Protein backbone atom coordinates (compact mmCIF):
# COMPACT_ATOMS: atom_id res chain seq x y z
CA UNK A 1 11.54 -17.39 -28.07
CA UNK A 2 7.87 -16.58 -27.82
CA UNK A 3 4.77 -16.13 -29.85
CA UNK A 4 1.49 -14.33 -29.18
CA UNK A 5 0.24 -16.41 -26.24
CA UNK A 6 3.30 -18.26 -24.98
CA UNK A 7 6.77 -19.53 -25.76
CA UNK A 8 7.70 -20.81 -29.19
CA UNK A 9 9.24 -24.25 -29.42
CA UNK A 10 10.54 -23.68 -32.94
CA UNK A 11 14.09 -22.56 -33.62
CA UNK A 12 13.19 -20.19 -36.46
CA UNK A 13 11.29 -17.56 -34.46
CA UNK A 14 12.38 -14.17 -33.14
CA UNK A 15 14.25 -14.16 -29.85
CA UNK A 16 13.46 -11.61 -27.11
CA UNK A 17 15.45 -10.81 -23.98
CA UNK A 18 13.54 -11.32 -20.72
CA UNK A 19 11.92 -8.26 -19.17
CA UNK A 20 12.32 -9.49 -15.58
CA UNK A 21 13.72 -12.43 -13.66
CA UNK A 22 11.65 -14.43 -11.25
CA UNK A 23 12.98 -15.59 -7.93
CA UNK A 24 13.03 -19.17 -9.18
CA UNK A 25 14.86 -18.08 -12.35
CA UNK A 26 17.57 -16.41 -10.26
CA UNK A 27 17.93 -19.59 -8.18
CA UNK A 28 18.35 -21.68 -11.34
CA UNK A 29 20.80 -19.16 -12.79
CA UNK A 30 22.92 -19.23 -9.62
CA UNK A 31 23.21 -23.00 -9.91
CA UNK A 32 24.43 -22.69 -13.53
CA UNK A 33 26.88 -19.80 -13.07
CA UNK A 34 29.93 -20.43 -10.93
CA UNK A 35 32.00 -17.24 -10.95
CA UNK A 36 32.35 -15.29 -7.68
CA UNK A 37 30.89 -12.13 -9.24
CA UNK A 38 27.85 -14.00 -10.59
CA UNK A 39 27.26 -15.59 -7.20
CA UNK A 40 27.40 -12.21 -5.44
CA UNK A 41 24.99 -10.64 -7.94
CA UNK A 42 22.56 -13.54 -7.53
CA UNK A 43 22.75 -13.28 -3.73
CA UNK A 44 22.01 -9.56 -3.86
CA UNK A 45 19.06 -10.12 -6.21
CA UNK A 46 17.67 -12.81 -3.92
CA UNK A 47 17.95 -10.38 -0.99
CA UNK A 48 15.95 -7.85 -2.98
CA UNK A 49 13.21 -10.44 -3.50
CA UNK A 50 13.13 -11.10 0.25
CA UNK A 51 12.89 -7.35 0.98
CA UNK A 52 10.06 -6.95 -1.54
CA UNK A 53 8.16 -9.82 0.09
CA UNK A 54 8.63 -8.24 3.54
CA UNK A 55 7.54 -4.84 2.25
CA UNK A 56 4.41 -6.34 0.68
CA UNK A 57 3.37 -7.90 4.00
CA UNK A 58 4.03 -4.64 5.88
CA UNK A 59 2.10 -2.73 3.22
CA UNK A 60 -1.06 -4.69 4.03
CA UNK A 61 -0.60 -3.93 7.73
CA UNK A 62 -0.07 -0.26 6.93
CA UNK A 63 -3.28 -0.11 4.91
CA UNK A 64 -5.18 -1.69 7.79
CA UNK A 65 -3.79 0.89 10.24
CA UNK A 66 -4.70 3.76 7.90
CA UNK A 67 -8.28 2.46 7.63
CA UNK A 68 -8.54 2.31 11.43
CA UNK A 69 -7.26 5.88 11.72
CA UNK A 70 -9.81 7.07 9.16
CA UNK A 71 -12.70 5.49 11.04
CA UNK A 72 -11.45 6.98 14.31
CA UNK A 73 -11.13 10.36 12.62
CA UNK A 74 -14.71 10.20 11.39
CA UNK A 75 -15.98 9.42 14.90
CA UNK A 76 -13.87 12.22 16.37
CA UNK A 77 -15.15 14.66 13.75
CA UNK A 78 -18.73 13.86 14.75
CA UNK A 79 -17.88 14.53 18.40
CA UNK A 80 -16.11 17.80 17.55
CA UNK A 81 -19.08 18.98 15.48
CA UNK A 82 -21.40 18.22 18.40
CA UNK A 83 -19.13 20.15 20.78
CA UNK A 84 -19.20 23.17 18.45
CA UNK A 85 -22.99 22.98 18.28
CA UNK A 86 -23.24 22.97 22.08
CA UNK A 87 -20.81 25.90 22.39
CA UNK A 88 -22.73 27.80 19.73
CA UNK A 89 -26.01 27.24 21.63
CA UNK A 90 -24.42 28.45 24.87
CA UNK A 91 -22.85 31.56 23.36
CA UNK A 92 -25.80 32.79 21.32
CA UNK A 93 -28.68 34.11 23.39
CA UNK A 94 -31.93 32.32 22.80
CA UNK A 95 -34.56 34.60 21.31
CA UNK A 96 -37.97 34.21 22.88
CA UNK A 97 -41.24 35.98 22.21
CA UNK A 98 -42.14 36.27 25.90
CA UNK A 99 -42.69 39.56 27.62
CA UNK A 100 -40.19 40.45 30.31
CA UNK A 101 -41.27 39.87 33.90
CA UNK A 102 -41.27 42.85 36.24
CA UNK A 103 -41.94 46.56 36.07
């Protein structure tokens, strides 16, 4: 049972099914249920919680690696632009207003 900002302690309210189970709720449920099928389901749900926790820690590492790659890419782009500028200066003849030397 629940009301607007929490759980209702009265017996006359409307009952709602839970939207999700917490890891602690699954642990408590596994201690109350004793059938082999219920135990297997609870074990598999607990394994999912462990996998989610591992994924969340790897996700932070992945974000850090992506940020490093982006900064390296920005530095490399600056170098590549400079290389193109140098090549462009070498390929294009420089126009000068000097008179040619000689006859």
